[in-house]
């Protein structure tokens, strides 16, 4: 099985990546590239990922999938489908066979209240696509953001991660707006 972290360069996915590397797992990353929040956000995430990879100094295979739509608040029949279910559906469709995909907790999602339904739906989608033997893992699902931040701080990696949804509106040189959920 391939081990693939769905990686934004944010706190959660970076901690998952670092934990797998520490355990000696041969890991790849999957990056979904959107322009949801503009060029500043996309560049901010790219810089975070570049600086993290440079710091850990380990060659990691990166698969990028460019999307011409946002994965945030995708509207269906009058309801919103939040980021986490979108990412699961996209890995179900575009993901490599015989892989475990690792996900962090995405901002604002109440994913874990419904994760059994979402995973069940994804499994049906996998079956209809020929059952690609894809598994999903959520290693941080029982951690608070404070614990995640503390672990990244102890590793000296916290300042390299991206946090902000609106870095172009930063109130200082930190690149953080101070308004959106990750900052709060």
C-alpha atoms as a PDB file:
ATOM      1  CA  UNK A   1       0.000   0.000   0.000  1.00  0.00           C
ATOM      2  CA  UNK A   2       1.134   3.533  -0.774  1.00  0.00           C
ATOM      3  CA  UNK A   3       0.868   6.070   2.033  1.00  0.00           C
ATOM      4  CA  UNK A   4      -0.297   9.421   0.697  1.00  0.00           C
ATOM      5  CA  UNK A   5      -0.867  12.536   2.804  1.00  0.00           C
ATOM      6  CA  UNK A   6      -3.405  15.000   1.402  1.00  0.00           C
ATOM      7  CA  UNK A   7      -1.161  17.968   2.175  1.00  0.00           C
ATOM      8  CA  UNK A   8      -1.943  21.649   2.222  1.00  0.00           C
ATOM      9  CA  UNK A   9       1.141  22.766   4.123  1.00  0.00           C
ATOM     10  CA  UNK A  10      -1.096  23.664   7.058  1.00  0.00           C
ATOM     11  CA  UNK A  11      -0.717  22.498  10.642  1.00  0.00           C
ATOM     12  CA  UNK A  12      -2.738  19.275  10.545  1.00  0.00           C
ATOM     13  CA  UNK A  13      -1.491  17.763   7.306  1.00  0.00           C
ATOM     14  CA  UNK A  14       2.095  18.782   8.099  1.00  0.00           C
ATOM     15  CA  UNK A  15       1.969  17.058  11.492  1.00  0.00           C
ATOM     16  CA  UNK A  16       0.616  13.899   9.841  1.00  0.00           C
ATOM     17  CA  UNK A  17       3.435  14.031   7.268  1.00  0.00           C
ATOM     18  CA  UNK A  18       6.102  14.520   9.956  1.00  0.00           C
ATOM     19  CA  UNK A  19       4.690  11.702  12.119  1.00  0.00           C
ATOM     20  CA  UNK A  20       4.733   9.253   9.194  1.00  0.00           C
ATOM     21  CA  UNK A  21       8.297  10.232   8.267  1.00  0.00           C
ATOM     22  CA  UNK A  22       9.367   9.808  11.910  1.00  0.00           C
ATOM     23  CA  UNK A  23       7.866   6.290  11.861  1.00  0.00           C
ATOM     24  CA  UNK A  24       9.929   5.470   8.760  1.00  0.00           C
ATOM     25  CA  UNK A  25       6.933   5.236   6.436  1.00  0.00           C
ATOM     26  CA  UNK A  26       7.680   5.783   2.746  1.00  0.00           C
ATOM     27  CA  UNK A  27       5.221   8.588   2.133  1.00  0.00           C
ATOM     28  CA  UNK A  28       3.992  10.613  -0.838  1.00  0.00           C
ATOM     29  CA  UNK A  29       1.859  13.738  -0.827  1.00  0.00           C
ATOM     30  CA  UNK A  30      -1.168  14.801  -2.813  1.00  0.00           C
ATOM     31  CA  UNK A  31      -1.803  18.516  -3.244  1.00  0.00           C
ATOM     32  CA  UNK A  32      -5.040  19.947  -4.586  1.00  0.00           C
ATOM     33  CA  UNK A  33      -4.365  23.326  -6.189  1.00  0.00           C
ATOM     34  CA  UNK A  34      -7.269  25.771  -6.348  1.00  0.00           C
ATOM     35  CA  UNK A  35      -7.503  29.515  -6.652  1.00  0.00           C
ATOM     36  CA  UNK A  36     -10.324  29.815  -4.108  1.00  0.00           C
ATOM     37  CA  UNK A  37      -8.757  32.637  -2.146  1.00  0.00           C
ATOM     38  CA  UNK A  38      -6.682  34.182  -4.928  1.00  0.00           C
ATOM     39  CA  UNK A  39      -3.050  34.131  -5.972  1.00  0.00           C
ATOM     40  CA  UNK A  40      -1.808  35.273  -2.563  1.00  0.00           C
ATOM     41  CA  UNK A  41      -3.265  32.246  -0.788  1.00  0.00           C
ATOM     42  CA  UNK A  42      -2.008  29.805  -3.420  1.00  0.00           C
ATOM     43  CA  UNK A  43       1.520  31.275  -3.239  1.00  0.00           C
ATOM     44  CA  UNK A  44       1.361  31.319   0.569  1.00  0.00           C
ATOM     45  CA  UNK A  45       0.557  27.580   0.628  1.00  0.00           C
ATOM     46  CA  UNK A  46       3.229  26.814  -1.994  1.00  0.00           C
ATOM     47  CA  UNK A  47       5.844  28.698   0.043  1.00  0.00           C
ATOM     48  CA  UNK A  48       4.842  26.860   3.211  1.00  0.00           C
ATOM     49  CA  UNK A  49       5.167  23.464   1.519  1.00  0.00           C
ATOM     50  CA  UNK A  50       8.501  24.427  -0.067  1.00  0.00           C
ATOM     51  CA  UNK A  51       9.947  25.641   3.254  1.00  0.00           C
ATOM     52  CA  UNK A  52       8.730  22.572   5.136  1.00  0.00           C
ATOM     53  CA  UNK A  53      10.258  20.192   2.570  1.00  0.00           C
ATOM     54  CA  UNK A  54      13.488  22.181   2.612  1.00  0.00           C
ATOM     55  CA  UNK A  55      13.627  21.952   6.410  1.00  0.00           C
ATOM     56  CA  UNK A  56      12.921  18.221   6.683  1.00  0.00           C
ATOM     57  CA  UNK A  57      15.413  17.614   3.858  1.00  0.00           C
ATOM     58  CA  UNK A  58      13.764  14.433   2.605  1.00  0.00           C
ATOM     59  CA  UNK A  59      12.799  13.744  -0.959  1.00  0.00           C
ATOM     60  CA  UNK A  60       9.051  13.223  -1.145  1.00  0.00           C
ATOM     61  CA  UNK A  61       7.070  12.531  -4.294  1.00  0.00           C
ATOM     62  CA  UNK A  62       4.417  15.231  -4.818  1.00  0.00           C
ATOM     63  CA  UNK A  63       1.303  14.658  -6.917  1.00  0.00           C
ATOM     64  CA  UNK A  64      -0.587  17.853  -7.774  1.00  0.00           C
ATOM     65  CA  UNK A  65      -4.133  18.004  -9.025  1.00  0.00           C
ATOM     66  CA  UNK A  66      -5.298  21.397 -10.261  1.00  0.00           C
ATOM     67  CA  UNK A  67      -8.970  22.150  -9.819  1.00  0.00           C
ATOM     68  CA  UNK A  68     -10.874  24.896 -11.575  1.00  0.00           C
ATOM     69  CA  UNK A  69     -13.347  25.058  -8.689  1.00  0.00           C
ATOM     70  CA  UNK A  70     -13.122  25.581  -4.969  1.00  0.00           C
ATOM     71  CA  UNK A  71     -13.314  22.693  -2.537  1.00  0.00           C
ATOM     72  CA  UNK A  72     -14.812  25.024   0.079  1.00  0.00           C
ATOM     73  CA  UNK A  73     -18.583  25.121   0.487  1.00  0.00           C
ATOM     74  CA  UNK A  74     -19.354  23.364  -2.789  1.00  0.00           C
ATOM     75  CA  UNK A  75     -23.111  23.678  -3.157  1.00  0.00           C
ATOM     76  CA  UNK A  76     -25.224  20.710  -4.076  1.00  0.00           C
ATOM     77  CA  UNK A  77     -29.002  20.619  -3.811  1.00  0.00           C
ATOM     78  CA  UNK A  78     -29.312  23.624  -1.525  1.00  0.00           C
ATOM     79  CA  UNK A  79     -26.803  22.312   1.019  1.00  0.00           C
ATOM     80  CA  UNK A  80     -23.098  22.856   1.374  1.00  0.00           C
ATOM     81  CA  UNK A  81     -20.590  20.066   0.922  1.00  0.00           C
ATOM     82  CA  UNK A  82     -17.589  21.117   2.942  1.00  0.00           C
ATOM     83  CA  UNK A  83     -13.922  20.694   2.167  1.00  0.00           C
ATOM     84  CA  UNK A  84     -13.248  17.336   3.821  1.00  0.00           C
ATOM     85  CA  UNK A  85     -15.972  15.363   1.960  1.00  0.00           C
ATOM     86  CA  UNK A  86     -14.877  17.008  -1.289  1.00  0.00           C
ATOM     87  CA  UNK A  87     -11.290  15.925  -0.727  1.00  0.00           C
ATOM     88  CA  UNK A  88     -12.405  12.366   0.061  1.00  0.00           C
ATOM     89  CA  UNK A  89     -14.554  12.224  -3.068  1.00  0.00           C
ATOM     90  CA  UNK A  90     -11.697  13.604  -5.185  1.00  0.00           C
ATOM     91  CA  UNK A  91      -9.189  11.070  -3.829  1.00  0.00           C
ATOM     92  CA  UNK A  92     -11.787   8.363  -4.488  1.00  0.00           C
ATOM     93  CA  UNK A  93     -11.992   9.457  -8.124  1.00  0.00           C
ATOM     94  CA  UNK A  94      -8.392  10.549  -8.845  1.00  0.00           C
ATOM     95  CA  UNK A  95      -6.522   8.526  -6.220  1.00  0.00           C
ATOM     96  CA  UNK A  96      -4.040   5.807  -6.955  1.00  0.00           C
ATOM     97  CA  UNK A  97      -4.958   2.176  -6.407  1.00  0.00           C
ATOM     98  CA  UNK A  98      -3.691   0.391  -3.306  1.00  0.00           C
ATOM     99  CA  UNK A  99      -3.251   3.565  -1.267  1.00  0.00           C
ATOM    100  CA  UNK A 100      -4.010   4.879   2.192  1.00  0.00           C
ATOM    101  CA  UNK A 101      -4.891   8.580   2.151  1.00  0.00           C
ATOM    102  CA  UNK A 102      -4.235  10.555   5.326  1.00  0.00           C
ATOM    103  CA  UNK A 103      -6.380  13.593   6.059  1.00  0.00           C
ATOM    104  CA  UNK A 104      -6.145  16.322   8.660  1.00  0.00           C
ATOM    105  CA  UNK A 105      -9.068  18.237  10.058  1.00  0.00           C
ATOM    106  CA  UNK A 106     -10.225  20.975   7.706  1.00  0.00           C
ATOM    107  CA  UNK A 107     -11.340  24.367   8.885  1.00  0.00           C
ATOM    108  CA  UNK A 108     -14.968  24.820   9.783  1.00  0.00           C
ATOM    109  CA  UNK A 109     -15.997  21.298   8.865  1.00  0.00           C
ATOM    110  CA  UNK A 110     -18.261  19.306  11.125  1.00  0.00           C
ATOM    111  CA  UNK A 111     -16.883  16.278   9.342  1.00  0.00           C
ATOM    112  CA  UNK A 112     -16.551  13.983  12.307  1.00  0.00           C
ATOM    113  CA  UNK A 113     -20.249  14.179  13.165  1.00  0.00           C
ATOM    114  CA  UNK A 114     -20.978  12.669   9.746  1.00  0.00           C
ATOM    115  CA  UNK A 115     -17.751  10.876   8.862  1.00  0.00           C
ATOM    116  CA  UNK A 116     -19.305   7.390   8.838  1.00  0.00           C
ATOM    117  CA  UNK A 117     -21.888   8.491   6.250  1.00  0.00           C
ATOM    118  CA  UNK A 118     -19.247  10.240   4.138  1.00  0.00           C
ATOM    119  CA  UNK A 119     -16.896   7.251   4.235  1.00  0.00           C
ATOM    120  CA  UNK A 120     -19.769   4.894   3.441  1.00  0.00           C
ATOM    121  CA  UNK A 121     -20.690   7.020   0.410  1.00  0.00           C
ATOM    122  CA  UNK A 122     -17.048   7.098  -0.672  1.00  0.00           C
ATOM    123  CA  UNK A 123     -16.839   3.319  -0.369  1.00  0.00           C
ATOM    124  CA  UNK A 124     -19.866   2.977  -2.668  1.00  0.00           C
ATOM    125  CA  UNK A 125     -18.167   5.338  -5.110  1.00  0.00           C
ATOM    126  CA  UNK A 126     -15.011   3.193  -4.937  1.00  0.00           C
ATOM    127  CA  UNK A 127     -17.047   0.069  -5.656  1.00  0.00           C
ATOM    128  CA  UNK A 128     -18.715   1.714  -8.653  1.00  0.00           C
ATOM    129  CA  UNK A 129     -15.279   2.735  -9.951  1.00  0.00           C
ATOM    130  CA  UNK A 130     -13.996  -0.827  -9.684  1.00  0.00           C
ATOM    131  CA  UNK A 131     -12.848  -0.804  -6.027  1.00  0.00           C
ATOM    132  CA  UNK A 132      -9.396   0.710  -6.302  1.00  0.00           C
ATOM    133  CA  UNK A 133      -8.446  -0.560  -2.809  1.00  0.00           C
ATOM    134  CA  UNK A 134      -8.244   2.919  -1.323  1.00  0.00           C
ATOM    135  CA  UNK A 135      -8.380   3.441   2.434  1.00  0.00           C
ATOM    136  CA  UNK A 136      -8.833   6.665   4.400  1.00  0.00           C
ATOM    137  CA  UNK A 137      -7.082   7.553   7.653  1.00  0.00           C
ATOM    138  CA  UNK A 138      -7.724  10.454  10.036  1.00  0.00           C
ATOM    139  CA  UNK A 139      -4.908  10.186  12.580  1.00  0.00           C
ATOM    140  CA  UNK A 140      -5.618  13.553  14.258  1.00  0.00           C
ATOM    141  CA  UNK A 141      -9.350  13.104  14.741  1.00  0.00           C
ATOM    142  CA  UNK A 142      -9.092  12.996  18.534  1.00  0.00           C
ATOM    143  CA  UNK A 143      -6.570  15.831  18.904  1.00  0.00           C
ATOM    144  CA  UNK A 144      -7.381  19.419  19.674  1.00  0.00           C
ATOM    145  CA  UNK A 145      -5.810  22.230  17.671  1.00  0.00           C
ATOM    146  CA  UNK A 146      -3.816  23.198  20.787  1.00  0.00           C
ATOM    147  CA  UNK A 147      -2.202  19.743  20.912  1.00  0.00           C
ATOM    148  CA  UNK A 148      -1.398  19.857  17.189  1.00  0.00           C
ATOM    149  CA  UNK A 149       0.144  23.321  17.530  1.00  0.00           C
ATOM    150  CA  UNK A 150       2.144  22.212  20.580  1.00  0.00           C
ATOM    151  CA  UNK A 151       3.570  19.217  18.719  1.00  0.00           C
ATOM    152  CA  UNK A 152       4.570  21.385  15.747  1.00  0.00           C
ATOM    153  CA  UNK A 153       6.155  23.954  18.078  1.00  0.00           C
ATOM    154  CA  UNK A 154       8.192  21.233  19.796  1.00  0.00           C
ATOM    155  CA  UNK A 155       9.447  20.146  16.364  1.00  0.00           C
ATOM    156  CA  UNK A 156      10.297  23.732  15.380  1.00  0.00           C
ATOM    157  CA  UNK A 157       7.908  23.535  12.421  1.00  0.00           C
ATOM    158  CA  UNK A 158       4.942  25.668  13.458  1.00  0.00           C
ATOM    159  CA  UNK A 159       6.160  28.913  11.891  1.00  0.00           C
ATOM    160  CA  UNK A 160       6.679  27.172   8.547  1.00  0.00           C
ATOM    161  CA  UNK A 161       3.050  26.032   8.250  1.00  0.00           C
ATOM    162  CA  UNK A 162       0.427  28.187   6.578  1.00  0.00           C
ATOM    163  CA  UNK A 163      -2.506  29.222   8.686  1.00  0.00           C
ATOM    164  CA  UNK A 164      -4.425  31.943   7.018  1.00  0.00           C
ATOM    165  CA  UNK A 165      -7.228  31.858   4.480  1.00  0.00           C
ATOM    166  CA  UNK A 166      -6.683  35.526   3.592  1.00  0.00           C
ATOM    167  CA  UNK A 167      -2.916  36.221   3.737  1.00  0.00           C
ATOM    168  CA  UNK A 168      -3.322  39.270   1.474  1.00  0.00           C
ATOM    169  CA  UNK A 169      -5.236  40.906   4.364  1.00  0.00           C
ATOM    170  CA  UNK A 170      -2.449  40.306   6.898  1.00  0.00           C
ATOM    171  CA  UNK A 171      -2.397  42.847   9.703  1.00  0.00           C
ATOM    172  CA  UNK A 172       1.358  42.531  10.181  1.00  0.00           C
ATOM    173  CA  UNK A 173       4.359  40.758   8.642  1.00  0.00           C
ATOM    174  CA  UNK A 174       3.188  37.357   9.886  1.00  0.00           C
ATOM    175  CA  UNK A 175       1.094  36.701   6.763  1.00  0.00           C
ATOM    176  CA  UNK A 176      -1.944  36.078   8.983  1.00  0.00           C
ATOM    177  CA  UNK A 177      -5.144  38.114   8.871  1.00  0.00           C
ATOM    178  CA  UNK A 178      -6.212  37.342  12.445  1.00  0.00           C
ATOM    179  CA  UNK A 179      -9.846  36.949  11.329  1.00  0.00           C
ATOM    180  CA  UNK A 180     -10.321  33.458   9.922  1.00  0.00           C
ATOM    181  CA  UNK A 181     -10.834  30.192  11.798  1.00  0.00           C
ATOM    182  CA  UNK A 182      -7.227  28.886  11.740  1.00  0.00           C
ATOM    183  CA  UNK A 183      -5.933  32.134  13.240  1.00  0.00           C
ATOM    184  CA  UNK A 184      -8.602  32.155  15.939  1.00  0.00           C
END
